[in-house]
C-alpha cells in the first residue's frame, strides 16, 4: 500500500460547524438541528474492543454504501431514517466539508432509539456457540442437540442484547427485553427483525454471501418504528463466503479476519494502547470490505 493511500484514511472528522453528538468506534455523529443528525463513517477499525492506531482505506465508504443499498432494498419492509446521502443536498454549512463527507456520510432523521440491540442469528457462531456448548441454549432459547459450530439453525432466532457504551453488548432473554421496552414493542421489534433478516439473507445467499447473524437498531420517528444506524454491513454482521462454507469450524469472513489474525500472531495482550497495523494487513482488510460491497451489489465502489 502506498504512503499516499495510507494518508488518505479518515480517522477523525473535523466539522466544527456542528456539535458532536456522539463518537463511536467507527462513526462520528453530529447534530444538525433538533430534527436531523449527520452520520459520518470513518476508516477507524476496532478489534477486541479497542480502536487501532491504523485505519482501513475506504472502510467508512464501504459501510455507508452498503447501508444505503440495504435501506433501499428493505424500504417496503420497514421505514428508515435516511433523508439523503447526496452531499450536494446537505445544509449549506455541511457542504463546506464535502471532501470529508462525500461517499461516507448520511443526513438522517433524529429518532428516539430503543435501548436494545435487535440481534438475529441464522447460524450458530461466536458468543452463541459458546453459550450453546455450555447450556444447549442461546438467550434462553433451547436449541437442538448435536449442533456443530457454524451450523445453520432450523429457523433464525431472535437474541436481543443490551447496548454497551464500552466493551461487549450483553445478550439477554426476550423476557428481559420485554421488561425494558414492554411486551408489545418487544414483539414488534422481534417480528420485524426476523422479517428483515430473512429477506436480506435470501438475497445475499443468491449473491454468494451467507449472513450468519446481524444486529439492527430501531427507533421511533414520525414514520413509526424506524430502522436506523448501519444496516447489514460486515461490521454489524457475520458475512461468510458461501463457496467456502463448511460447518464444524470457524468460517472465513468479509471483515476483520486479517486484523484479528495479525493481532493474535504478535501476541498483543489486548490492553491499551492498541498497536498499529502493517500496511499489508490494512490493504488486505480493505480489499475484503470492497469485495463484500461488490458481492452484494454487483458494482465496484468508486474509490
Protein backbone atom coordinates (compact mmCIF):
# COMPACT_ATOMS: atom_id res chain seq x y z
CA UNK A 1 0.00 0.00 0.00
CA UNK A 2 1.38 3.35 -0.97
CA UNK A 3 2.02 6.05 1.67
CA UNK A 4 -0.43 8.27 -0.21
CA UNK A 5 -3.23 5.73 0.27
CA UNK A 6 -2.50 5.40 3.97
CA UNK A 7 -2.51 9.19 4.29
CA UNK A 8 -5.99 9.29 2.71
CA UNK A 9 -7.50 7.28 5.58
CA UNK A 10 -10.02 9.31 7.59
CA UNK A 11 -9.59 8.51 11.28
CA UNK A 12 -11.20 11.58 12.80
CA UNK A 13 -13.68 14.02 11.30
CA UNK A 14 -13.32 17.77 11.76
CA UNK A 15 -16.65 19.53 11.27
CA UNK A 16 -16.63 22.46 13.71
CA UNK A 17 -19.87 23.99 12.38
CA UNK A 18 -21.84 21.25 14.13
CA UNK A 19 -21.84 19.90 17.68
CA UNK A 20 -20.50 16.38 18.03
CA UNK A 21 -23.47 14.32 19.22
CA UNK A 22 -21.64 11.00 19.63
CA UNK A 23 -18.41 9.35 18.58
CA UNK A 24 -18.25 5.56 18.41
CA UNK A 25 -15.71 3.01 17.30
CA UNK A 26 -16.36 3.91 13.66
CA UNK A 27 -18.93 6.71 13.37
CA UNK A 28 -18.94 10.36 14.31
CA UNK A 29 -22.47 11.74 14.66
CA UNK A 30 -23.17 15.47 14.53
CA UNK A 31 -26.26 17.44 15.49
CA UNK A 32 -27.54 19.42 12.51
CA UNK A 33 -30.71 20.66 14.23
CA UNK A 34 -33.36 19.29 16.58
CA UNK A 35 -34.71 17.02 13.82
CA UNK A 36 -31.61 15.92 11.90
CA UNK A 37 -28.27 14.25 12.51
CA UNK A 38 -25.23 13.82 10.29
CA UNK A 39 -23.69 10.33 10.36
CA UNK A 40 -20.08 10.09 9.17
CA UNK A 41 -18.37 6.70 8.89
CA UNK A 42 -14.62 6.99 9.41
CA UNK A 43 -11.98 4.42 8.45
CA UNK A 44 -11.34 3.51 12.08
CA UNK A 45 -11.24 -0.17 12.91
CA UNK A 46 -11.57 -1.82 16.30
CA UNK A 47 -10.55 -5.26 17.46
CA UNK A 48 -11.03 -6.85 20.86
CA UNK A 49 -12.91 -3.67 21.91
CA UNK A 50 -10.09 -1.24 21.15
CA UNK A 51 -9.72 1.21 18.27
CA UNK A 52 -6.46 0.51 16.46
CA UNK A 53 -3.89 3.12 15.53
CA UNK A 54 -4.17 2.30 11.82
CA UNK A 55 -7.30 2.84 9.74
CA UNK A 56 -8.55 0.75 6.83
CA UNK A 57 -8.69 2.62 3.49
CA UNK A 58 -12.24 3.07 2.14
CA UNK A 59 -13.82 1.23 5.08
CA UNK A 60 -16.14 4.10 6.02
CA UNK A 61 -17.29 4.47 2.43
CA UNK A 62 -18.00 0.73 2.15
CA UNK A 63 -20.04 0.69 5.36
CA UNK A 64 -22.07 3.71 4.29
CA UNK A 65 -22.72 2.50 0.76
CA UNK A 66 -23.74 -0.99 1.93
CA UNK A 67 -26.17 0.55 4.43
CA UNK A 68 -27.63 2.74 1.68
CA UNK A 69 -28.07 -0.32 -0.53
CA UNK A 70 -29.98 -2.14 2.20
CA UNK A 71 -32.10 0.88 3.14
CA UNK A 72 -33.35 0.93 -0.45
CA UNK A 73 -33.74 -2.85 -0.68
CA UNK A 74 -35.74 -3.06 2.56
CA UNK A 75 -37.86 0.07 2.09
CA UNK A 76 -41.01 -2.00 1.50
CA UNK A 77 -40.49 -3.85 4.81
CA UNK A 78 -39.61 -1.06 7.24
CA UNK A 79 -39.11 2.73 7.11
CA UNK A 80 -35.59 4.00 7.69
CA UNK A 81 -34.08 7.23 8.99
CA UNK A 82 -32.27 8.28 5.80
CA UNK A 83 -33.02 11.75 4.42
CA UNK A 84 -30.24 11.92 1.82
CA UNK A 85 -26.67 10.80 1.25
CA UNK A 86 -26.13 13.35 -1.52
CA UNK A 87 -23.74 15.93 -0.07
CA UNK A 88 -24.96 18.48 -2.60
CA UNK A 89 -28.36 18.34 -0.88
CA UNK A 90 -26.97 18.82 2.64
CA UNK A 91 -27.43 22.12 4.52
CA UNK A 92 -25.04 24.83 3.34
CA UNK A 93 -22.82 24.68 6.43
CA UNK A 94 -22.32 20.92 5.88
CA UNK A 95 -21.47 21.26 2.20
CA UNK A 96 -18.30 23.13 3.21
CA UNK A 97 -16.94 19.79 4.38
CA UNK A 98 -17.80 17.85 1.23
CA UNK A 99 -14.29 16.38 0.95
CA UNK A 100 -14.75 14.65 4.31
CA UNK A 101 -18.40 13.73 3.79
CA UNK A 102 -18.78 12.57 0.21
CA UNK A 103 -19.47 8.86 -0.05
CA UNK A 104 -19.20 8.16 3.68
CA UNK A 105 -21.99 10.19 5.28
CA UNK A 106 -25.76 10.31 5.64
CA UNK A 107 -28.16 13.05 6.68
CA UNK A 108 -30.78 11.28 8.79
CA UNK A 109 -33.89 11.90 10.84
CA UNK A 110 -33.32 12.05 14.55
CA UNK A 111 -35.01 9.06 16.16
CA UNK A 112 -35.93 8.13 19.71
CA UNK A 113 -33.83 4.97 19.87
CA UNK A 114 -34.84 1.80 21.68
CA UNK A 115 -32.20 0.82 24.27
CA UNK A 116 -31.70 -2.70 22.89
CA UNK A 117 -29.78 -4.31 20.05
CA UNK A 118 -32.01 -6.48 17.87
CA UNK A 119 -29.82 -9.46 17.07
CA UNK A 120 -30.85 -12.30 14.78
CA UNK A 121 -28.92 -15.49 14.19
CA UNK A 122 -29.38 -17.89 11.30
CA UNK A 123 -26.23 -19.88 12.12
CA UNK A 124 -24.54 -20.71 15.39
CA UNK A 125 -21.25 -18.91 15.87
CA UNK A 126 -19.39 -16.56 18.19
CA UNK A 127 -20.89 -15.98 21.62
CA UNK A 128 -23.94 -18.06 20.71
CA UNK A 129 -21.74 -21.08 20.03
CA UNK A 130 -20.03 -20.70 23.40
CA UNK A 131 -23.37 -20.36 25.18
CA UNK A 132 -24.79 -23.38 23.35
CA UNK A 133 -21.79 -25.51 24.29
CA UNK A 134 -22.29 -24.61 27.94
CA UNK A 135 -26.07 -24.91 28.22
CA UNK A 136 -27.66 -26.09 24.98
CA UNK A 137 -29.45 -22.74 24.86
CA UNK A 138 -28.90 -19.27 23.39
CA UNK A 139 -30.51 -16.33 25.20
CA UNK A 140 -32.87 -18.77 26.89
CA UNK A 141 -33.88 -20.47 23.63
CA UNK A 142 -33.47 -24.25 23.69
CA UNK A 143 -31.70 -25.47 20.55
CA UNK A 144 -31.45 -28.99 19.09
CA UNK A 145 -28.74 -31.25 20.42
CA UNK A 146 -25.70 -32.07 18.34
CA UNK A 147 -25.21 -28.79 16.53
CA UNK A 148 -21.73 -28.10 15.21
CA UNK A 149 -20.00 -24.74 15.16
CA UNK A 150 -21.30 -22.67 12.21
CA UNK A 151 -24.27 -24.98 11.59
CA UNK A 152 -27.42 -23.42 10.15
CA UNK A 153 -30.20 -23.25 12.73
CA UNK A 154 -33.57 -24.87 11.94
CA UNK A 155 -35.04 -21.35 11.92
CA UNK A 156 -33.42 -17.96 12.58
CA UNK A 157 -33.66 -16.95 16.23
CA UNK A 158 -34.03 -13.54 17.83
CA UNK A 159 -31.43 -12.97 20.56
CA UNK A 160 -31.57 -9.37 21.84
CA UNK A 161 -28.75 -7.64 23.66
CA UNK A 162 -28.31 -4.59 25.82
CA UNK A 163 -26.35 -1.70 24.33
CA UNK A 164 -22.93 -1.29 25.90
CA UNK A 165 -21.26 2.12 25.86
CA UNK A 166 -17.90 0.37 26.08
CA UNK A 167 -16.97 -3.27 25.67
CA UNK A 168 -19.32 -6.00 24.52
CA UNK A 169 -23.10 -5.87 24.38
CA UNK A 170 -24.70 -8.33 26.80
CA UNK A 171 -27.05 -11.00 25.48
CA UNK A 172 -30.42 -11.02 27.23
CA UNK A 173 -33.58 -13.14 27.04
CA UNK A 174 -36.69 -11.99 25.22
CA UNK A 175 -38.44 -11.73 28.62
CA UNK A 176 -35.72 -9.36 29.80
CA UNK A 177 -36.22 -7.28 26.67
CA UNK A 178 -39.94 -7.13 27.43
CA UNK A 179 -39.09 -5.73 30.86
CA UNK A 180 -37.04 -2.97 29.19
CA UNK A 181 -39.30 -1.86 26.31
CA UNK A 182 -42.63 -3.54 27.02
CA UNK A 183 -44.19 -6.69 25.57
CA UNK A 184 -45.85 -5.02 22.58
CA UNK A 185 -42.76 -3.16 21.40
CA UNK A 186 -40.51 -6.16 22.03
CA UNK A 187 -42.81 -8.41 19.99
CA UNK A 188 -42.96 -5.91 17.14
CA UNK A 189 -39.18 -5.48 17.07
CA UNK A 190 -38.63 -9.24 17.16
CA UNK A 191 -41.03 -9.89 14.28
CA UNK A 192 -39.61 -7.01 12.24
CA UNK A 193 -36.03 -8.14 12.85
CA UNK A 194 -36.79 -11.65 11.62
CA UNK A 195 -38.61 -10.37 8.52
CA UNK A 196 -35.78 -8.05 7.58
CA UNK A 197 -33.14 -10.71 8.16
CA UNK A 198 -34.94 -13.38 6.14
CA UNK A 199 -35.40 -11.10 3.14
CA UNK A 200 -31.82 -9.82 3.24
CA UNK A 201 -30.28 -13.25 3.88
CA UNK A 202 -32.15 -14.79 0.94
CA UNK A 203 -30.89 -12.05 -1.36
CA UNK A 204 -27.30 -12.25 -0.07
CA UNK A 205 -27.27 -16.05 -0.49
CA UNK A 206 -28.06 -15.57 -4.18
CA UNK A 207 -25.04 -13.25 -4.32
CA UNK A 208 -22.74 -15.83 -2.73
CA UNK A 209 -22.75 -14.45 0.81
CA UNK A 210 -24.12 -16.15 3.92
CA UNK A 211 -25.30 -13.67 6.54
CA UNK A 212 -24.74 -15.81 9.60
CA UNK A 213 -26.04 -13.22 12.05
CA UNK A 214 -26.56 -9.49 12.30
CA UNK A 215 -27.83 -6.77 14.59
CA UNK A 216 -30.25 -3.92 13.93
CA UNK A 217 -31.09 -0.74 15.77
CA UNK A 218 -34.58 0.70 15.70
CA UNK A 219 -36.09 3.94 16.93
CA UNK A 220 -39.25 5.97 16.70
CA UNK A 221 -39.77 8.78 14.23
CA UNK A 222 -42.85 10.36 12.69
CA UNK A 223 -42.91 7.27 10.43
CA UNK A 224 -43.34 4.98 13.44
CA UNK A 225 -40.79 2.27 14.21
CA UNK A 226 -37.81 3.07 12.01
CA UNK A 227 -34.64 1.23 11.02
CA UNK A 228 -31.58 3.31 11.91
CA UNK A 229 -27.78 3.43 12.10
CA UNK A 230 -25.82 0.96 9.97
CA UNK A 231 -27.58 -1.97 8.35
CA UNK A 232 -26.25 -5.38 7.36
CA UNK A 233 -22.62 -4.35 7.00
CA UNK A 234 -19.52 -6.50 7.62
CA UNK A 235 -19.12 -4.61 10.91
CA UNK A 236 -22.62 -5.37 12.21
CA UNK A 237 -22.93 -8.86 10.70
CA UNK A 238 -21.04 -12.05 10.04
CA UNK A 239 -20.66 -12.33 6.27
CA UNK A 240 -19.32 -15.70 5.12
CA UNK A 241 -18.33 -16.63 1.53
CA UNK A 242 -20.90 -19.26 0.58
CA UNK A 243 -18.46 -21.16 -1.64
CA UNK A 244 -16.11 -21.73 1.31
CA UNK A 245 -18.75 -22.57 3.92
CA UNK A 246 -18.05 -25.77 5.86
CA UNK A 247 -19.73 -26.30 9.26
CA UNK A 248 -17.81 -27.76 12.16
CA UNK A 249 -15.26 -24.95 12.36
CA UNK A 250 -14.99 -21.15 12.29
CA UNK A 251 -15.62 -19.65 8.84
CA UNK A 252 -13.74 -17.22 6.66
CA UNK A 253 -15.41 -13.82 6.66
CA UNK A 254 -15.63 -10.49 4.87
CA UNK A 255 -14.46 -8.37 7.77
CA UNK A 256 -11.62 -8.04 10.27
CA UNK A 257 -10.18 -11.51 9.83
CA UNK A 258 -6.73 -10.34 8.75
CA UNK A 259 -6.64 -7.83 11.59
CA UNK A 260 -7.58 -10.36 14.25
CA UNK A 261 -5.13 -12.92 12.86
CA UNK A 262 -2.30 -10.40 12.91
CA UNK A 263 -3.04 -9.29 16.48
CA UNK A 264 -3.07 -12.91 17.62
CA UNK A 265 0.22 -13.58 15.80
CA UNK A 266 2.01 -10.73 17.58
CA UNK A 267 0.53 -11.88 20.92
CA UNK A 268 -0.94 -8.48 21.76
CA UNK A 269 -2.17 -8.57 25.34
CA UNK A 270 -5.44 -6.84 24.34
CA UNK A 271 -4.70 -3.90 26.61
CA UNK A 272 -4.21 -0.27 25.55
CA UNK A 273 -2.53 1.17 23.67
CA UNK A 274 -3.74 -0.76 20.64
CA UNK A 275 -0.97 -1.41 18.12
CA UNK A 276 -0.65 -0.09 14.58
CA UNK A 277 -1.13 -2.43 11.64
CA UNK A 278 1.37 -3.19 8.89
CA UNK A 279 0.39 -1.69 5.54
CA UNK A 280 -0.16 -5.15 4.08
CA UNK A 281 -2.69 -6.11 6.75
CA UNK A 282 -4.56 -2.83 6.25
CA UNK A 283 -4.53 -3.32 2.47
CA UNK A 284 -5.84 -6.88 2.59
CA UNK A 285 -8.56 -5.91 5.06
CA UNK A 286 -9.59 -3.03 2.80
CA UNK A 287 -9.84 -5.46 -0.11
CA UNK A 288 -12.19 -7.69 1.93
CA UNK A 289 -14.55 -4.79 2.63
CA UNK A 290 -14.53 -3.71 -1.02
CA UNK A 291 -15.14 -7.31 -2.08
CA UNK A 292 -18.18 -7.53 0.21
CA UNK A 293 -19.67 -4.44 -1.43
CA UNK A 294 -19.08 -5.87 -4.91
CA UNK A 295 -20.51 -9.27 -3.99
CA UNK A 296 -23.69 -7.75 -2.61
CA UNK A 297 -24.35 -5.08 -5.21
CA UNK A 298 -22.63 -6.30 -8.36
CA UNK A 299 -20.87 -2.93 -8.62
CA UNK A 300 -17.38 -1.83 -7.74
CA UNK A 301 -17.16 1.03 -5.28
CA UNK A 302 -15.90 4.22 -6.86
CA UNK A 303 -12.79 4.91 -4.75
